[in-house]
C-alpha atoms as a PDB file:
ATOM      1  CA  MET A   1      46.856  32.607  49.295  1.00  0.00           C
ATOM      2  CA  PRO A   2      47.023  29.091  47.867  1.00  0.00           C
ATOM      3  CA  ALA A   3      49.639  27.074  49.775  1.00  0.00           C
ATOM      4  CA  GLU A   4      50.971  25.598  46.512  1.00  0.00           C
ATOM      5  CA  TRP A   5      51.593  29.085  45.087  1.00  0.00           C
ATOM      6  CA  ARG A   6      53.280  30.312  48.266  1.00  0.00           C
ATOM      7  CA  GLU A   7      55.565  27.270  48.354  1.00  0.00           C
ATOM      8  CA  ALA A   8      56.484  27.659  44.666  1.00  0.00           C
ATOM      9  CA  SER A   9      57.152  31.380  45.215  1.00  0.00           C
ATOM     10  CA  ARG A  10      60.042  30.458  47.519  1.00  0.00           C
ATOM     11  CA  ASP A  11      61.931  29.243  44.416  1.00  0.00           C
ATOM     12  CA  VAL A  12      61.604  32.581  42.589  1.00  0.00           C
ATOM     13  CA  PRO A  13      65.070  34.227  42.441  1.00  0.00           C
ATOM     14  CA  LEU A  14      63.810  37.401  44.083  1.00  0.00           C
ATOM     15  CA  ASN A  15      65.153  38.801  47.335  1.00  0.00           C
ATOM     16  CA  ALA A  16      65.587  42.111  49.139  1.00  0.00           C
ATOM     17  CA  ALA A  17      68.883  42.848  47.342  1.00  0.00           C
ATOM     18  CA  VAL A  18      67.337  42.340  43.876  1.00  0.00           C
ATOM     19  CA  ILE A  19      64.353  44.530  44.790  1.00  0.00           C
ATOM     20  CA  ARG A  20      66.542  47.199  46.425  1.00  0.00           C
ATOM     21  CA  ASP A  21      68.730  47.400  43.304  1.00  0.00           C
ATOM     22  CA  GLY A  22      65.829  47.394  40.825  1.00  0.00           C
ATOM     23  CA  ALA A  23      63.790  49.974  42.745  1.00  0.00           C
ATOM     24  CA  ARG A  24      66.859  52.041  43.682  1.00  0.00           C
ATOM     25  CA  VAL A  25      65.975  51.833  47.375  1.00  0.00           C
ATOM     26  CA  LEU A  26      68.479  53.563  49.656  1.00  0.00           C
ATOM     27  CA  ASP A  27      71.094  51.465  51.440  1.00  0.00           C
ATOM     28  CA  GLY A  28      69.934  50.385  54.878  1.00  0.00           C
ATOM     29  CA  VAL A  29      66.241  50.601  53.960  1.00  0.00           C
ATOM     30  CA  ASP A  30      64.442  47.259  53.856  1.00  0.00           C
ATOM     31  CA  PRO A  31      62.312  47.283  50.697  1.00  0.00           C
ATOM     32  CA  LEU A  32      59.757  44.771  52.015  1.00  0.00           C
ATOM     33  CA  PRO A  33      58.343  43.934  55.425  1.00  0.00           C
ATOM     34  CA  ASP A  34      58.767  40.299  56.480  1.00  0.00           C
ATOM     35  CA  ARG A  35      55.352  39.340  57.903  1.00  0.00           C
ATOM     36  CA  ASP A  36      55.621  35.702  56.728  1.00  0.00           C
ATOM     37  CA  LYS A  37      55.351  36.543  53.026  1.00  0.00           C
ATOM     38  CA  THR A  38      57.884  35.687  50.337  1.00  0.00           C
ATOM     39  CA  PRO A  39      59.325  38.537  48.236  1.00  0.00           C
ATOM     40  CA  ALA A  40      57.373  37.227  45.220  1.00  0.00           C
ATOM     41  CA  GLU A  41      54.157  37.359  47.226  1.00  0.00           C
ATOM     42  CA  TRP A  42      54.823  40.957  48.254  1.00  0.00           C
ATOM     43  CA  VAL A  43      55.655  42.016  44.711  1.00  0.00           C
ATOM     44  CA  TRP A  44      52.905  40.169  42.817  1.00  0.00           C
ATOM     45  CA  ARG A  45      50.093  39.322  45.254  1.00  0.00           C
ATOM     46  CA  GLN A  46      49.718  42.463  47.397  1.00  0.00           C
ATOM     47  CA  PRO A  47      48.127  45.824  46.612  1.00  0.00           C
ATOM     48  CA  ALA A  48      50.551  48.607  45.733  1.00  0.00           C
ATOM     49  CA  VAL A  49      50.388  52.382  45.372  1.00  0.00           C
ATOM     50  CA  THR A  50      52.703  54.446  43.156  1.00  0.00           C
ATOM     51  CA  ILE A  51      52.780  58.257  43.045  1.00  0.00           C
ATOM     52  CA  LEU A  52      52.661  59.184  39.350  1.00  0.00           C
ATOM     53  CA  SER A  53      52.712  62.970  39.644  1.00  0.00           C
ATOM     54  CA  THR A  54      52.234  65.881  42.045  1.00  0.00           C
ATOM     55  CA  THR A  55      51.699  69.624  41.823  1.00  0.00           C
ATOM     56  CA  LEU A  56      54.611  70.179  44.199  1.00  0.00           C
ATOM     57  CA  PRO A  57      57.555  72.254  42.983  1.00  0.00           C
ATOM     58  CA  ALA A  58      60.345  70.531  41.094  1.00  0.00           C
ATOM     59  CA  PRO A  59      63.560  69.870  43.040  1.00  0.00           C
ATOM     60  CA  GLY A  60      65.549  73.076  43.319  1.00  0.00           C
ATOM     61  CA  ARG A  61      62.443  75.257  42.870  1.00  0.00           C
ATOM     62  CA  GLU A  62      61.015  74.896  46.380  1.00  0.00           C
ATOM     63  CA  LYS A  63      59.897  78.003  48.259  1.00  0.00           C
ATOM     64  CA  ASN A  64      59.801  78.590  51.989  1.00  0.00           C
ATOM     65  CA  ALA A  65      56.028  79.038  52.048  1.00  0.00           C
ATOM     66  CA  VAL A  66      52.975  77.001  52.947  1.00  0.00           C
ATOM     67  CA  ARG A  67      51.126  75.961  49.801  1.00  0.00           C
ATOM     68  CA  GLY A  68      47.410  76.692  49.639  1.00  0.00           C
ATOM     69  CA  LYS A  69      46.706  73.630  47.525  1.00  0.00           C
ATOM     70  CA  ALA A  70      48.500  70.524  46.305  1.00  0.00           C
ATOM     71  CA  SER A  71      47.502  67.382  44.463  1.00  0.00           C
ATOM     72  CA  ALA A  72      48.907  63.997  43.552  1.00  0.00           C
ATOM     73  CA  LYS A  73      47.927  61.337  41.047  1.00  0.00           C
ATOM     74  CA  LEU A  74      48.291  57.761  42.279  1.00  0.00           C
ATOM     75  CA  SER A  75      48.350  54.461  40.454  1.00  0.00           C
ATOM     76  CA  CYS A  76      47.034  51.564  42.520  1.00  0.00           C
ATOM     77  CA  ARG A  77      47.538  47.887  41.823  1.00  0.00           C
ATOM     78  CA  VAL A  78      44.591  45.803  43.003  1.00  0.00           C
ATOM     79  CA  ALA A  79      45.707  42.513  44.553  1.00  0.00           C
ATOM     80  CA  PRO A  80      44.245  39.180  43.417  1.00  0.00           C
ATOM     81  CA  GLY A  81      40.948  38.576  45.190  1.00  0.00           C
ATOM     82  CA  GLN A  82      40.441  42.284  45.924  1.00  0.00           C
ATOM     83  CA  THR A  83      38.052  44.668  44.183  1.00  0.00           C
ATOM     84  CA  GLY A  84      39.006  48.106  42.951  1.00  0.00           C
ATOM     85  CA  GLU A  85      36.197  49.613  45.024  1.00  0.00           C
ATOM     86  CA  ALA A  86      37.477  47.934  48.207  1.00  0.00           C
ATOM     87  CA  LEU A  87      41.025  49.196  47.615  1.00  0.00           C
ATOM     88  CA  PHE A  88      39.762  52.713  46.823  1.00  0.00           C
ATOM     89  CA  ALA A  89      37.752  52.730  50.073  1.00  0.00           C
ATOM     90  CA  LEU A  90      40.836  51.708  52.085  1.00  0.00           C
ATOM     91  CA  ILE A  91      43.012  54.382  50.470  1.00  0.00           C
ATOM     92  CA  GLU A  92      40.345  57.050  50.872  1.00  0.00           C
ATOM     93  CA  GLU A  93      39.932  56.169  54.549  1.00  0.00           C
ATOM     94  CA  ALA A  94      43.692  56.241  55.158  1.00  0.00           C
ATOM     95  CA  LEU A  95      44.075  59.653  53.500  1.00  0.00           C
ATOM     96  CA  THR A  96      41.000  61.372  54.943  1.00  0.00           C
ATOM     97  CA  THR A  97      40.885  60.069  58.529  1.00  0.00           C
ATOM     98  CA  LYS A  98      42.415  62.648  60.875  1.00  0.00           C
ATOM     99  CA  PRO A  99      44.723  64.471  58.454  1.00  0.00           C
ATOM    100  CA  THR A 100      47.540  66.364  60.180  1.00  0.00           C
ATOM    101  CA  GLY A 101      47.016  70.006  61.061  1.00  0.00           C
ATOM    102  CA  GLY A 102      43.404  70.134  59.923  1.00  0.00           C
ATOM    103  CA  VAL A 103      44.333  69.773  56.269  1.00  0.00           C
ATOM    104  CA  LYS A 104      41.320  69.129  54.038  1.00  0.00           C
ATOM    105  CA  VAL A 105      41.829  66.027  51.905  1.00  0.00           C
ATOM    106  CA  THR A 106      39.649  65.163  48.919  1.00  0.00           C
ATOM    107  CA  VAL A 107      40.039  61.853  47.096  1.00  0.00           C
ATOM    108  CA  LYS A 108      38.656  61.365  43.595  1.00  0.00           C
ATOM    109  CA  LYS A 109      38.638  58.106  41.657  1.00  0.00           C
ATOM    110  CA  LEU A 110      39.545  58.659  38.007  1.00  0.00           C
ATOM    111  CA  GLY A 111      39.150  55.100  36.766  1.00  0.00           C
ATOM    112  CA  GLY A 112      40.053  51.567  37.605  1.00  0.00           C
ATOM    113  CA  GLY A 113      39.134  47.947  37.585  1.00  0.00           C
ATOM    114  CA  ASP A 114      39.285  44.781  39.611  1.00  0.00           C
ATOM    115  CA  SER A 115      42.055  42.272  40.116  1.00  0.00           C
ATOM    116  CA  TRP A 116      42.678  39.261  37.951  1.00  0.00           C
ATOM    117  CA  LEU A 117      44.764  36.168  38.375  1.00  0.00           C
ATOM    118  CA  TYR A 118      45.799  33.360  36.099  1.00  0.00           C
ATOM    119  CA  GLU A 119      47.571  30.125  36.779  1.00  0.00           C
ATOM    120  CA  PRO A 120      50.931  29.920  34.991  1.00  0.00           C
ATOM    121  CA  LYS A 121      50.498  26.488  33.446  1.00  0.00           C
ATOM    122  CA  GLY A 122      51.769  25.098  30.166  1.00  0.00           C
ATOM    123  CA  PRO A 123      55.106  24.407  28.491  1.00  0.00           C
ATOM    124  CA  ALA A 124      56.093  28.067  28.102  1.00  0.00           C
ATOM    125  CA  PHE A 125      56.520  28.556  31.844  1.00  0.00           C
ATOM    126  CA  PRO A 126      59.086  25.785  32.488  1.00  0.00           C
ATOM    127  CA  ALA A 127      60.901  26.947  29.325  1.00  0.00           C
ATOM    128  CA  ALA A 128      61.038  30.505  30.678  1.00  0.00           C
ATOM    129  CA  ASP A 129      62.338  29.199  34.013  1.00  0.00           C
ATOM    130  CA  ARG A 130      65.109  27.298  32.248  1.00  0.00           C
ATOM    131  CA  ALA A 131      66.011  30.353  30.164  1.00  0.00           C
ATOM    132  CA  TYR A 132      66.146  32.590  33.213  1.00  0.00           C
END
């Protein structure tokens, strides 16, 4: 992480309360770990995983039975400086290493790409800051 970027990220008007409200995180749950990173760094410079869909029953339609099969589709944001293949390998390892109760886990990559990063330079960026 470039020191200049990290220092500038401290001025971004982003904090746990803003993130909690925007993401509808429950009260009392900290939306971000501390670990010496600014909120902007966590939001924009770290990998992220979002569950897009599952084959689980809709709320209110659950059954008291063990399902024979389930699936989920994930969307993964690749962090700057990371490759899509490296992130996929980490996720695959996390999901397939010692699954609980002997569950068989299969991970399939449907697509993807690598990270990219640009430097926000030029007159539009200070203008946007002033407008915000």
